[in-house]
């Protein structure tokens, strides 16, 4: 298993440096020697996609490139998988105070959330999650509301680096507690019906498990290959953001205590559809 340990404050982007450095030249038609001459970078034409719709109803503009890369030779990676990891706030005192408040509130919630406790016995053995009982903590738990406020600049930065298309405002749709005891794990999964997902680490005892991401190309390959994963260590006070389609998991917790985190989803805020009275 490959391990990736980013430096503090580092934005981890898979081979991002080369993302905007290359392009493939258009292939000239066969004919005269002049027409077979390799095009120079300053000779590459820029052609806009015609308007209108295709026979299948899709808009032609959907096929127009958002960026044109140059014609230098070399390695080119056109669709990297960005993962964002950064400390939530520079001040250690602020971070510790927030984490203490989150732990205190999670203890109170666990003492009263009978539905969540019952669900966790079979689906989150050895731990507790409020995902299926109280999945919107940002609406009523004060320290989680503070966390949501602190997350805003990180969400904005990740949105830019992930090259997400402009759309409505992104807002937090779900937010839930995760308390992993000895041996608690979370198998590979995705966060459907979301755009950006992430985890904020509240308590990370020595030896606790990190966050594993799976190579997204595995289900697109023909030849059999070994499963490739990358692990990001869990460090209290840090947030990890990723696109919601990215499959990830948390291995069994083998730390010296409970591993506590806050998970969340963001999605576009669309306007309410227009309603017409039927009577």
Protein backbone atom coordinates (compact mmCIF):
# COMPACT_ATOMS: atom_id res chain seq x y z
CA UNK A 1 0.00 0.00 0.00
CA UNK A 2 1.46 3.34 -1.04
CA UNK A 3 1.52 6.01 1.60
CA UNK A 4 1.32 9.71 0.93
CA UNK A 5 2.16 12.07 3.78
CA UNK A 6 1.61 15.66 2.61
CA UNK A 7 3.31 18.54 4.42
CA UNK A 8 1.29 20.78 6.67
CA UNK A 9 -0.75 23.22 4.68
CA UNK A 10 -0.14 21.37 1.41
CA UNK A 11 -2.74 21.12 -1.31
CA UNK A 12 -2.39 17.58 -2.65
CA UNK A 13 -3.20 17.45 -6.35
CA UNK A 14 -2.31 14.34 -8.33
CA UNK A 15 0.32 15.38 -10.89
CA UNK A 16 -1.29 18.82 -11.10
CA UNK A 17 1.86 20.63 -12.25
CA UNK A 18 1.72 19.12 -15.72
CA UNK A 19 -2.03 19.51 -16.07
CA UNK A 20 -1.92 22.73 -18.10
CA UNK A 21 1.33 22.25 -20.03
CA UNK A 22 0.51 20.21 -23.11
CA UNK A 23 -1.88 19.57 -25.97
CA UNK A 24 -2.14 17.34 -28.99
CA UNK A 25 -1.86 19.07 -32.41
CA UNK A 26 -4.54 18.51 -35.03
CA UNK A 27 -3.60 15.85 -37.58
CA UNK A 28 -3.09 17.45 -41.04
CA UNK A 29 -4.83 15.91 -44.00
CA UNK A 30 -2.84 13.76 -46.40
CA UNK A 31 -1.77 15.52 -49.59
CA UNK A 32 1.19 17.66 -50.50
CA UNK A 33 4.41 17.76 -48.51
CA UNK A 34 3.41 21.20 -47.31
CA UNK A 35 0.18 19.85 -45.87
CA UNK A 36 2.05 17.06 -44.06
CA UNK A 37 4.45 19.51 -42.41
CA UNK A 38 4.11 19.48 -38.62
CA UNK A 39 2.15 22.45 -37.36
CA UNK A 40 4.01 24.91 -35.17
CA UNK A 41 2.47 25.99 -31.86
CA UNK A 42 1.62 29.46 -33.20
CA UNK A 43 -0.08 27.90 -36.24
CA UNK A 44 -2.56 25.79 -34.31
CA UNK A 45 -6.06 26.96 -35.23
CA UNK A 46 -8.68 27.72 -32.64
CA UNK A 47 -12.10 26.52 -33.76
CA UNK A 48 -15.24 27.18 -31.77
CA UNK A 49 -17.86 24.46 -31.66
CA UNK A 50 -20.97 25.32 -33.69
CA UNK A 51 -24.15 26.07 -31.84
CA UNK A 52 -27.34 24.08 -31.91
CA UNK A 53 -28.15 20.54 -30.86
CA UNK A 54 -26.85 17.14 -31.87
CA UNK A 55 -29.25 14.44 -33.14
CA UNK A 56 -29.38 12.89 -29.67
CA UNK A 57 -30.49 16.19 -28.18
CA UNK A 58 -27.20 17.13 -26.47
CA UNK A 59 -25.98 20.69 -26.83
CA UNK A 60 -22.99 21.16 -29.11
CA UNK A 61 -21.48 23.56 -26.58
CA UNK A 62 -21.03 20.61 -24.20
CA UNK A 63 -18.28 19.34 -26.50
CA UNK A 64 -16.40 22.62 -26.76
CA UNK A 65 -13.11 22.43 -24.79
CA UNK A 66 -12.84 24.74 -21.82
CA UNK A 67 -9.09 25.10 -22.34
CA UNK A 68 -6.66 24.57 -25.22
CA UNK A 69 -3.22 23.24 -24.27
CA UNK A 70 -0.03 23.88 -26.25
CA UNK A 71 1.79 21.43 -28.55
CA UNK A 72 4.99 20.60 -26.67
CA UNK A 73 5.96 16.97 -26.44
CA UNK A 74 6.05 15.04 -23.21
CA UNK A 75 3.81 13.52 -20.60
CA UNK A 76 0.28 14.87 -20.36
CA UNK A 77 -2.34 14.20 -17.69
CA UNK A 78 -5.70 15.66 -18.57
CA UNK A 79 -8.02 14.51 -15.76
CA UNK A 80 -6.15 14.43 -12.42
CA UNK A 81 -7.94 13.53 -9.18
CA UNK A 82 -7.56 16.49 -6.79
CA UNK A 83 -7.47 15.85 -3.04
CA UNK A 84 -7.31 18.85 -0.70
CA UNK A 85 -5.75 18.67 2.77
CA UNK A 86 -5.14 21.66 5.01
CA UNK A 87 -5.29 22.81 8.62
CA UNK A 88 -8.71 24.31 9.31
CA UNK A 89 -7.33 27.44 11.04
CA UNK A 90 -3.80 28.75 11.73
CA UNK A 91 -4.42 29.24 15.47
CA UNK A 92 -3.79 26.10 17.53
CA UNK A 93 -5.76 27.58 20.44
CA UNK A 94 -8.85 28.15 18.28
CA UNK A 95 -8.63 24.65 16.84
CA UNK A 96 -8.25 22.99 20.25
CA UNK A 97 -11.19 24.96 21.67
CA UNK A 98 -13.42 23.98 18.75
CA UNK A 99 -12.41 20.32 18.98
CA UNK A 100 -13.15 20.23 22.72
CA UNK A 101 -16.62 21.67 22.08
CA UNK A 102 -17.31 19.16 19.31
CA UNK A 103 -16.31 16.21 21.52
CA UNK A 104 -18.49 17.50 24.37
CA UNK A 105 -21.52 17.87 22.08
CA UNK A 106 -20.96 14.48 20.47
CA UNK A 107 -20.97 12.84 23.93
CA UNK A 108 -24.31 14.48 24.70
CA UNK A 109 -25.75 13.41 21.35
CA UNK A 110 -24.60 9.81 21.78
CA UNK A 111 -26.25 9.63 25.19
CA UNK A 112 -29.66 10.43 23.66
CA UNK A 113 -29.52 9.14 20.09
CA UNK A 114 -31.03 5.69 20.62
CA UNK A 115 -31.72 5.23 16.90
CA UNK A 116 -28.11 6.02 16.01
CA UNK A 117 -26.71 3.76 18.72
CA UNK A 118 -28.90 0.88 17.55
CA UNK A 119 -27.91 1.37 13.91
CA UNK A 120 -24.21 1.56 14.79
CA UNK A 121 -24.30 -1.80 16.57
CA UNK A 122 -24.69 -3.62 13.25
CA UNK A 123 -23.37 -1.11 10.68
CA UNK A 124 -20.58 0.65 12.59
CA UNK A 125 -19.51 -2.02 15.07
CA UNK A 126 -17.53 -0.75 18.03
CA UNK A 127 -18.31 2.88 17.27
CA UNK A 128 -21.04 5.43 16.64
CA UNK A 129 -22.23 7.40 13.60
CA UNK A 130 -25.17 9.79 13.36
CA UNK A 131 -25.39 9.51 9.57
CA UNK A 132 -28.70 7.61 9.50
CA UNK A 133 -30.25 9.23 12.56
CA UNK A 134 -29.01 12.85 12.75
CA UNK A 135 -27.41 13.69 9.37
CA UNK A 136 -27.73 17.50 9.52
CA UNK A 137 -25.81 18.58 12.62
CA UNK A 138 -24.91 21.93 11.02
CA UNK A 139 -28.47 23.08 11.59
CA UNK A 140 -28.52 22.90 15.39
CA UNK A 141 -25.13 22.03 16.97
CA UNK A 142 -23.22 25.30 17.74
CA UNK A 143 -19.60 24.07 17.26
CA UNK A 144 -20.59 22.41 13.97
CA UNK A 145 -22.05 25.72 12.82
CA UNK A 146 -18.67 27.30 13.61
CA UNK A 147 -16.95 24.54 11.66
CA UNK A 148 -19.20 25.21 8.67
CA UNK A 149 -18.16 28.87 8.75
CA UNK A 150 -14.46 27.96 8.91
CA UNK A 151 -14.84 25.55 6.00
CA UNK A 152 -16.05 28.18 3.52
CA UNK A 153 -12.64 29.44 2.29
CA UNK A 154 -11.41 25.85 1.95
CA UNK A 155 -14.44 24.88 -0.13
CA UNK A 156 -13.88 27.91 -2.37
CA UNK A 157 -10.21 27.08 -2.86
CA UNK A 158 -10.87 23.42 -3.61
CA UNK A 159 -13.62 24.33 -6.09
CA UNK A 160 -11.12 26.40 -8.08
CA UNK A 161 -8.41 23.74 -8.09
CA UNK A 162 -10.86 20.98 -9.00
CA UNK A 163 -11.92 23.03 -12.05
CA UNK A 164 -15.58 22.60 -11.20
CA UNK A 165 -17.83 24.44 -13.62
CA UNK A 166 -19.49 27.61 -12.46
CA UNK A 167 -22.87 26.96 -10.95
CA UNK A 168 -25.13 27.98 -8.09
CA UNK A 169 -23.77 28.45 -4.60
CA UNK A 170 -22.34 25.38 -2.90
CA UNK A 171 -23.85 24.71 0.51
CA UNK A 172 -23.52 22.03 3.20
CA UNK A 173 -26.32 19.51 2.72
CA UNK A 174 -25.31 16.87 5.29
CA UNK A 175 -23.04 16.73 8.33
CA UNK A 176 -22.69 13.87 10.80
CA UNK A 177 -20.59 12.52 13.66
CA UNK A 178 -18.16 9.60 13.46
CA UNK A 179 -16.75 8.02 16.61
CA UNK A 180 -14.60 4.99 15.80
CA UNK A 181 -13.73 2.65 18.65
CA UNK A 182 -11.28 -0.23 18.61
CA UNK A 183 -11.64 -2.11 15.30
CA UNK A 184 -14.38 0.12 13.85
CA UNK A 185 -14.06 0.48 10.07
CA UNK A 186 -15.89 1.96 7.10
CA UNK A 187 -15.73 0.06 3.82
CA UNK A 188 -15.19 1.59 0.36
CA UNK A 189 -18.05 3.89 -0.63
CA UNK A 190 -19.01 7.06 -2.47
CA UNK A 191 -21.18 10.01 -1.48
CA UNK A 192 -23.95 10.09 -4.07
CA UNK A 193 -26.06 13.14 -4.95
CA UNK A 194 -23.27 15.44 -3.75
CA UNK A 195 -20.53 17.51 -5.38
CA UNK A 196 -17.84 17.90 -2.71
CA UNK A 197 -17.37 15.70 0.36
CA UNK A 198 -14.92 15.87 3.19
CA UNK A 199 -13.87 15.04 6.72
CA UNK A 200 -12.67 17.20 9.58
CA UNK A 201 -10.59 15.41 12.22
CA UNK A 202 -11.40 16.19 15.84
CA UNK A 203 -9.54 13.53 17.82
CA UNK A 204 -6.84 11.31 16.29
CA UNK A 205 -4.98 9.15 18.82
CA UNK A 206 -1.61 7.67 17.97
CA UNK A 207 -1.86 4.75 15.56
CA UNK A 208 -5.37 5.53 14.34
CA UNK A 209 -6.28 4.74 10.75
CA UNK A 210 -6.12 7.30 7.96
CA UNK A 211 -8.34 7.92 4.94
CA UNK A 212 -7.78 5.67 1.92
CA UNK A 213 -8.64 6.61 -1.67
CA UNK A 214 -8.98 4.08 -4.47
CA UNK A 215 -7.65 4.55 -8.01
CA UNK A 216 -10.81 5.68 -9.88
CA UNK A 217 -9.68 3.99 -13.11
CA UNK A 218 -9.96 0.45 -11.79
CA UNK A 219 -13.43 -0.21 -13.18
CA UNK A 220 -12.37 1.17 -16.57
CA UNK A 221 -9.44 -1.17 -17.18
CA UNK A 222 -9.51 -4.34 -19.27
CA UNK A 223 -6.42 -6.08 -17.93
CA UNK A 224 -6.54 -7.32 -14.35
CA UNK A 225 -4.38 -5.30 -11.99
CA UNK A 226 -3.81 -5.06 -8.29
CA UNK A 227 -5.92 -2.64 -6.27
CA UNK A 228 -4.08 0.64 -5.82
CA UNK A 229 -4.88 2.93 -2.91
CA UNK A 230 -3.39 6.06 -1.38
CA UNK A 231 -3.70 6.85 2.33
CA UNK A 232 -3.93 10.30 3.90
CA UNK A 233 -3.10 10.32 7.62
CA UNK A 234 -5.75 11.54 10.06
CA UNK A 235 -4.50 14.56 12.03
CA UNK A 236 -6.67 16.53 14.45
CA UNK A 237 -7.40 20.03 13.19
CA UNK A 238 -7.04 19.13 9.52
CA UNK A 239 -9.71 18.91 6.83
CA UNK A 240 -9.63 16.69 3.75
CA UNK A 241 -11.82 17.55 0.74
CA UNK A 242 -12.50 15.51 -2.38
CA UNK A 243 -15.04 15.17 -5.15
CA UNK A 244 -17.95 13.05 -3.98
CA UNK A 245 -17.57 10.39 -6.70
CA UNK A 246 -14.12 9.42 -5.35
CA UNK A 247 -14.30 6.00 -3.64
CA UNK A 248 -12.72 5.95 -0.19
CA UNK A 249 -12.64 3.97 3.04
CA UNK A 250 -11.38 4.00 6.62
CA UNK A 251 -9.51 0.84 7.73
CA UNK A 252 -10.14 -0.70 11.17
CA UNK A 253 -9.12 1.69 13.93
CA UNK A 254 -6.08 0.40 15.79
CA UNK A 255 -5.26 3.60 17.65
CA UNK A 256 -4.82 4.17 21.36
CA UNK A 257 -8.32 5.59 21.72
CA UNK A 258 -11.41 6.79 19.89
CA UNK A 259 -10.94 8.35 16.47
CA UNK A 260 -13.46 11.20 16.19
CA UNK A 261 -14.29 13.09 13.01
CA UNK A 262 -16.99 15.15 11.31
CA UNK A 263 -18.01 14.19 7.77
CA UNK A 264 -20.03 16.39 5.42
CA UNK A 265 -21.33 16.89 1.88
CA UNK A 266 -21.74 20.00 -0.27
CA UNK A 267 -23.97 20.41 -3.30
CA UNK A 268 -25.19 23.18 -5.60
CA UNK A 269 -28.01 25.33 -4.25
CA UNK A 270 -30.65 25.32 -6.98
CA UNK A 271 -33.72 27.53 -6.95
CA UNK A 272 -37.06 26.00 -6.10
CA UNK A 273 -38.92 24.91 -9.24
CA UNK A 274 -41.81 27.04 -10.41
CA UNK A 275 -45.14 25.63 -9.21
CA UNK A 276 -48.46 26.04 -11.01
CA UNK A 277 -51.76 25.55 -9.16
CA UNK A 278 -53.63 22.54 -10.53
CA UNK A 279 -57.08 23.80 -9.59
